[in-house]
Amino acid sequence: MADIINLRNVRKQKARAGKEAQAAQNRVLFGRTRAEKLKQAAEKAQADKHIEGHKKEE
């Protein structure tokens, strides 16, 4: 005899699995630590300062 399943619960489980997969993908694409963000901001500020120092004054 076959097992009886509740289709509503199966749909909810499938939706949860899809959302979890999307969240995992977003963590890979957008997830950076605070230290990484601060390091990138410091590097950008240093590069901008370096470029400003080489501009000619009019």
PDB file of N, CA and C in Angstrom:
ATOM      1  N   MET A   1       0.834  -1.171   0.000  1.00  0.00           N
ATOM      2  CA  MET A   1       0.000   0.000   0.000  1.00  0.00           C
ATOM      3  C   MET A   1       0.889   1.249   0.000  1.00  0.00           C
ATOM      4  N   ALA A   2       0.516   2.257  -0.735  1.00  0.00           N
ATOM      5  CA  ALA A   2       1.295   3.484  -0.869  1.00  0.00           C
ATOM      6  C   ALA A   2       1.135   4.370   0.362  1.00  0.00           C
ATOM      7  N   ASP A   3       2.163   5.173   0.603  1.00  0.00           N
ATOM      8  CA  ASP A   3       2.084   6.113   1.713  1.00  0.00           C
ATOM      9  C   ASP A   3       1.197   7.276   1.318  1.00  0.00           C
ATOM     10  N   ILE A   4       0.448   7.766   2.284  1.00  0.00           N
ATOM     11  CA  ILE A   4      -0.421   8.915   2.055  1.00  0.00           C
ATOM     12  C   ILE A   4       0.390  10.169   2.370  1.00  0.00           C
ATOM     13  N   ILE A   5       0.381  11.117   1.423  1.00  0.00           N
ATOM     14  CA  ILE A   5       1.104  12.362   1.633  1.00  0.00           C
ATOM     15  C   ILE A   5       0.148  13.534   1.505  1.00  0.00           C
ATOM     16  N   ASN A   6       0.471  14.585   2.207  1.00  0.00           N
ATOM     17  CA  ASN A   6      -0.323  15.800   2.143  1.00  0.00           C
ATOM     18  C   ASN A   6       0.323  16.713   1.101  1.00  0.00           C
ATOM     19  N   LEU A   7      -0.367  16.985   0.016  1.00  0.00           N
ATOM     20  CA  LEU A   7       0.198  17.759  -1.080  1.00  0.00           C
ATOM     21  C   LEU A   7       0.510  19.203  -0.674  1.00  0.00           C
ATOM     22  N   ARG A   8      -0.280  19.744   0.233  1.00  0.00           N
ATOM     23  CA  ARG A   8      -0.034  21.104   0.698  1.00  0.00           C
ATOM     24  C   ARG A   8       1.325  21.184   1.396  1.00  0.00           C
ATOM     25  N   ASN A   9       1.619  20.193   2.226  1.00  0.00           N
ATOM     26  CA  ASN A   9       2.910  20.172   2.917  1.00  0.00           C
ATOM     27  C   ASN A   9       4.064  19.962   1.942  1.00  0.00           C
ATOM     28  N   VAL A  10       3.851  19.163   0.929  1.00  0.00           N
ATOM     29  CA  VAL A  10       4.896  18.930  -0.059  1.00  0.00           C
ATOM     30  C   VAL A  10       5.197  20.222  -0.810  1.00  0.00           C
ATOM     31  N   ARG A  11       4.155  20.974  -1.162  1.00  0.00           N
ATOM     32  CA  ARG A  11       4.347  22.246  -1.847  1.00  0.00           C
ATOM     33  C   ARG A  11       5.117  23.227  -0.963  1.00  0.00           C
ATOM     34  N   LYS A  12       4.771  23.279   0.326  1.00  0.00           N
ATOM     35  CA  LYS A  12       5.454  24.179   1.246  1.00  0.00           C
ATOM     36  C   LYS A  12       6.926  23.787   1.396  1.00  0.00           C
ATOM     37  N   GLN A  13       7.210  22.508   1.485  1.00  0.00           N
ATOM     38  CA  GLN A  13       8.586  22.048   1.602  1.00  0.00           C
ATOM     39  C   GLN A  13       9.392  22.403   0.352  1.00  0.00           C
ATOM     40  N   LYS A  14       8.766  22.258  -0.801  1.00  0.00           N
ATOM     41  CA  LYS A  14       9.435  22.596  -2.053  1.00  0.00           C
ATOM     42  C   LYS A  14       9.726  24.090  -2.109  1.00  0.00           C
ATOM     43  N   ALA A  15       8.784  24.917  -1.665  1.00  0.00           N
ATOM     44  CA  ALA A  15       8.976  26.366  -1.652  1.00  0.00           C
ATOM     45  C   ALA A  15      10.099  26.742  -0.689  1.00  0.00           C
ATOM     46  N   ARG A  16      10.133  26.110   0.484  1.00  0.00           N
ATOM     47  CA  ARG A  16      11.202  26.393   1.451  1.00  0.00           C
ATOM     48  C   ARG A  16      12.564  26.025   0.882  1.00  0.00           C
ATOM     49  N   ALA A  17      12.633  24.899   0.206  1.00  0.00           N
ATOM     50  CA  ALA A  17      13.903  24.464  -0.378  1.00  0.00           C
ATOM     51  C   ALA A  17      14.363  25.446  -1.461  1.00  0.00           C
ATOM     52  N   GLY A  18      13.422  25.944  -2.243  1.00  0.00           N
ATOM     53  CA  GLY A  18      13.761  26.924  -3.277  1.00  0.00           C
ATOM     54  C   GLY A  18      14.266  28.221  -2.673  1.00  0.00           C
ATOM     55  N   LYS A  19      13.614  28.681  -1.607  1.00  0.00           N
ATOM     56  CA  LYS A  19      14.049  29.907  -0.951  1.00  0.00           C
ATOM     57  C   LYS A  19      15.422  29.727  -0.314  1.00  0.00           C
ATOM     58  N   GLU A  20      15.680  28.576   0.274  1.00  0.00           N
ATOM     59  CA  GLU A  20      16.980  28.307   0.883  1.00  0.00           C
ATOM     60  C   GLU A  20      18.072  28.273  -0.182  1.00  0.00           C
ATOM     61  N   ALA A  21      17.786  27.701  -1.333  1.00  0.00           N
ATOM     62  CA  ALA A  21      18.761  27.674  -2.424  1.00  0.00           C
ATOM     63  C   ALA A  21      19.060  29.091  -2.903  1.00  0.00           C
ATOM     64  N   GLN A  22      18.037  29.918  -3.023  1.00  0.00           N
ATOM     65  CA  GLN A  22      18.218  31.305  -3.439  1.00  0.00           C
ATOM     66  C   GLN A  22      19.037  32.071  -2.400  1.00  0.00           C
ATOM     67  N   ALA A  23      18.760  31.840  -1.126  1.00  0.00           N
ATOM     68  CA  ALA A  23      19.502  32.516  -0.053  1.00  0.00           C
ATOM     69  C   ALA A  23      20.972  32.115  -0.089  1.00  0.00           C
ATOM     70  N   ALA A  24      21.247  30.851  -0.326  1.00  0.00           N
ATOM     71  CA  ALA A  24      22.633  30.385  -0.400  1.00  0.00           C
ATOM     72  C   ALA A  24      23.353  31.046  -1.571  1.00  0.00           C
ATOM     73  N   GLN A  25      22.676  31.165  -2.684  1.00  0.00           N
ATOM     74  CA  GLN A  25      23.269  31.806  -3.856  1.00  0.00           C
ATOM     75  C   GLN A  25      23.544  33.289  -3.569  1.00  0.00           C
ATOM     76  N   ASN A  26      22.627  33.962  -2.891  1.00  0.00           N
ATOM     77  CA  ASN A  26      22.816  35.376  -2.552  1.00  0.00           C
ATOM     78  C   ASN A  26      23.969  35.557  -1.573  1.00  0.00           C
ATOM     79  N   ARG A  27      24.127  34.623  -0.640  1.00  0.00           N
ATOM     80  CA  ARG A  27      25.245  34.718   0.298  1.00  0.00           C
ATOM     81  C   ARG A  27      26.571  34.649  -0.435  1.00  0.00           C
ATOM     82  N   VAL A  28      26.629  33.832  -1.467  1.00  0.00           N
ATOM     83  CA  VAL A  28      27.862  33.726  -2.251  1.00  0.00           C
ATOM     84  C   VAL A  28      28.098  35.004  -3.046  1.00  0.00           C
ATOM     85  N   LEU A  29      27.047  35.533  -3.657  1.00  0.00           N
ATOM     86  CA  LEU A  29      27.204  36.697  -4.521  1.00  0.00           C
ATOM     87  C   LEU A  29      27.422  37.991  -3.745  1.00  0.00           C
ATOM     88  N   PHE A  30      26.673  38.209  -2.670  1.00  0.00           N
ATOM     89  CA  PHE A  30      26.656  39.510  -2.011  1.00  0.00           C
ATOM     90  C   PHE A  30      27.262  39.502  -0.617  1.00  0.00           C
ATOM     91  N   GLY A  31      27.485  38.340  -0.057  1.00  0.00           N
ATOM     92  CA  GLY A  31      27.941  38.271   1.326  1.00  0.00           C
ATOM     93  C   GLY A  31      29.415  38.597   1.470  1.00  0.00           C
ATOM     94  N   ARG A  32      29.693  39.694   2.141  1.00  0.00           N
ATOM     95  CA  ARG A  32      31.068  40.054   2.458  1.00  0.00           C
ATOM     96  C   ARG A  32      31.100  40.438   3.922  1.00  0.00           C
ATOM     97  N   THR A  33      32.201  40.189   4.562  1.00  0.00           N
ATOM     98  CA  THR A  33      32.309  40.542   5.968  1.00  0.00           C
ATOM     99  C   THR A  33      32.527  42.041   6.101  1.00  0.00           C
ATOM    100  N   ARG A  34      32.328  42.527   7.303  1.00  0.00           N
ATOM    101  CA  ARG A  34      32.518  43.945   7.572  1.00  0.00           C
ATOM    102  C   ARG A  34      33.972  44.342   7.296  1.00  0.00           C
ATOM    103  N   ALA A  35      34.902  43.482   7.668  1.00  0.00           N
ATOM    104  CA  ALA A  35      36.321  43.769   7.448  1.00  0.00           C
ATOM    105  C   ALA A  35      36.627  43.901   5.961  1.00  0.00           C
ATOM    106  N   GLU A  36      36.039  43.034   5.139  1.00  0.00           N
ATOM    107  CA  GLU A  36      36.264  43.112   3.697  1.00  0.00           C
ATOM    108  C   GLU A  36      35.723  44.420   3.135  1.00  0.00           C
ATOM    109  N   LYS A  37      34.543  44.840   3.609  1.00  0.00           N
ATOM    110  CA  LYS A  37      33.963  46.099   3.134  1.00  0.00           C
ATOM    111  C   LYS A  37      34.833  47.285   3.545  1.00  0.00           C
ATOM    112  N   LEU A  38      35.324  47.284   4.787  1.00  0.00           N
ATOM    113  CA  LEU A  38      36.168  48.377   5.253  1.00  0.00           C
ATOM    114  C   LEU A  38      37.497  48.416   4.505  1.00  0.00           C
ATOM    115  N   LYS A  39      38.057  47.245   4.237  1.00  0.00           N
ATOM    116  CA  LYS A  39      39.318  47.177   3.504  1.00  0.00           C
ATOM    117  C   LYS A  39      39.148  47.747   2.098  1.00  0.00           C
ATOM    118  N   GLN A  40      38.058  47.381   1.433  1.00  0.00           N
ATOM    119  CA  GLN A  40      37.817  47.882   0.082  1.00  0.00           C
ATOM    120  C   GLN A  40      37.606  49.401   0.100  1.00  0.00           C
ATOM    121  N   ALA A  41      36.904  49.909   1.103  1.00  0.00           N
ATOM    122  CA  ALA A  41      36.677  51.349   1.199  1.00  0.00           C
ATOM    123  C   ALA A  41      37.998  52.085   1.422  1.00  0.00           C
ATOM    124  N   ALA A  42      38.873  51.527   2.251  1.00  0.00           N
ATOM    125  CA  ALA A  42      40.169  52.153   2.506  1.00  0.00           C
ATOM    126  C   ALA A  42      41.024  52.150   1.248  1.00  0.00           C
ATOM    127  N   GLU A  43      41.017  51.055   0.513  1.00  0.00           N
ATOM    128  CA  GLU A  43      41.782  50.977  -0.731  1.00  0.00           C
ATOM    129  C   GLU A  43      41.263  51.984  -1.752  1.00  0.00           C
ATOM    130  N   LYS A  44      39.953  52.140  -1.829  1.00  0.00           N
ATOM    131  CA  LYS A  44      39.367  53.099  -2.769  1.00  0.00           C
ATOM    132  C   LYS A  44      39.734  54.518  -2.381  1.00  0.00           C
ATOM    133  N   ALA A  45      39.692  54.832  -1.084  1.00  0.00           N
ATOM    134  CA  ALA A  45      40.046  56.168  -0.622  1.00  0.00           C
ATOM    135  C   ALA A  45      41.511  56.464  -0.929  1.00  0.00           C
ATOM    136  N   GLN A  46      42.377  55.490  -0.727  1.00  0.00           N
ATOM    137  CA  GLN A  46      43.799  55.681  -1.009  1.00  0.00           C
ATOM    138  C   GLN A  46      44.031  55.892  -2.511  1.00  0.00           C
ATOM    139  N   ALA A  47      43.348  55.141  -3.338  1.00  0.00           N
ATOM    140  CA  ALA A  47      43.487  55.294  -4.789  1.00  0.00           C
ATOM    141  C   ALA A  47      42.980  56.662  -5.238  1.00  0.00           C
ATOM    142  N   ASP A  48      41.845  57.106  -4.679  1.00  0.00           N
ATOM    143  CA  ASP A  48      41.308  58.425  -5.033  1.00  0.00           C
ATOM    144  C   ASP A  48      42.279  59.531  -4.628  1.00  0.00           C
ATOM    145  N   LYS A  49      42.875  59.401  -3.448  1.00  0.00           N
ATOM    146  CA  LYS A  49      43.837  60.392  -2.970  1.00  0.00           C
ATOM    147  C   LYS A  49      45.069  60.423  -3.878  1.00  0.00           C
ATOM    148  N   HIS A  50      45.498  59.256  -4.308  1.00  0.00           N
ATOM    149  CA  HIS A  50      46.657  59.154  -5.193  1.00  0.00           C
ATOM    150  C   HIS A  50      46.377  59.832  -6.537  1.00  0.00           C
ATOM    151  N   ILE A  51      45.208  59.603  -7.066  1.00  0.00           N
ATOM    152  CA  ILE A  51      44.824  60.212  -8.352  1.00  0.00           C
ATOM    153  C   ILE A  51      44.697  61.722  -8.211  1.00  0.00           C
ATOM    154  N   GLU A  52      44.079  62.191  -7.101  1.00  0.00           N
ATOM    155  CA  GLU A  52      43.941  63.629  -6.877  1.00  0.00           C
ATOM    156  C   GLU A  52      45.307  64.302  -6.803  1.00  0.00           C
ATOM    157  N   GLY A  53      46.302  63.630  -6.244  1.00  0.00           N
ATOM    158  CA  GLY A  53      47.630  64.200  -6.116  1.00  0.00           C
ATOM    159  C   GLY A  53      48.333  64.375  -7.441  1.00  0.00           C
ATOM    160  N   HIS A  54      47.922  63.673  -8.465  1.00  0.00           N
ATOM    161  CA  HIS A  54      48.562  63.742  -9.768  1.00  0.00           C
ATOM    162  C   HIS A  54      47.834  64.634 -10.762  1.00  0.00           C
ATOM    163  N   LYS A  55      46.760  65.269 -10.336  1.00  0.00           N
ATOM    164  CA  LYS A  55      46.023  66.149 -11.235  1.00  0.00           C
ATOM    165  C   LYS A  55      46.737  67.492 -11.353  1.00  0.00           C
ATOM    166  N   LYS A  56      46.657  68.057 -12.541  1.00  0.00           N
ATOM    167  CA  LYS A  56      47.238  69.381 -12.760  1.00  0.00           C
ATOM    168  C   LYS A  56      46.267  70.446 -12.274  1.00  0.00           C
ATOM    169  N   GLU A  57      46.822  71.494 -11.691  1.00  0.00           N
ATOM    170  CA  GLU A  57      45.980  72.615 -11.276  1.00  0.00           C
ATOM    171  C   GLU A  57      45.902  73.612 -12.419  1.00  0.00           C
ATOM    172  N   GLU A  58      44.781  74.218 -12.570  1.00  0.00           N
ATOM    173  CA  GLU A  58      44.622  75.186 -13.659  1.00  0.00           C
ATOM    174  C   GLU A  58      44.719  76.588 -13.153  1.00  0.00           C
TER     175      GLU A  58
END
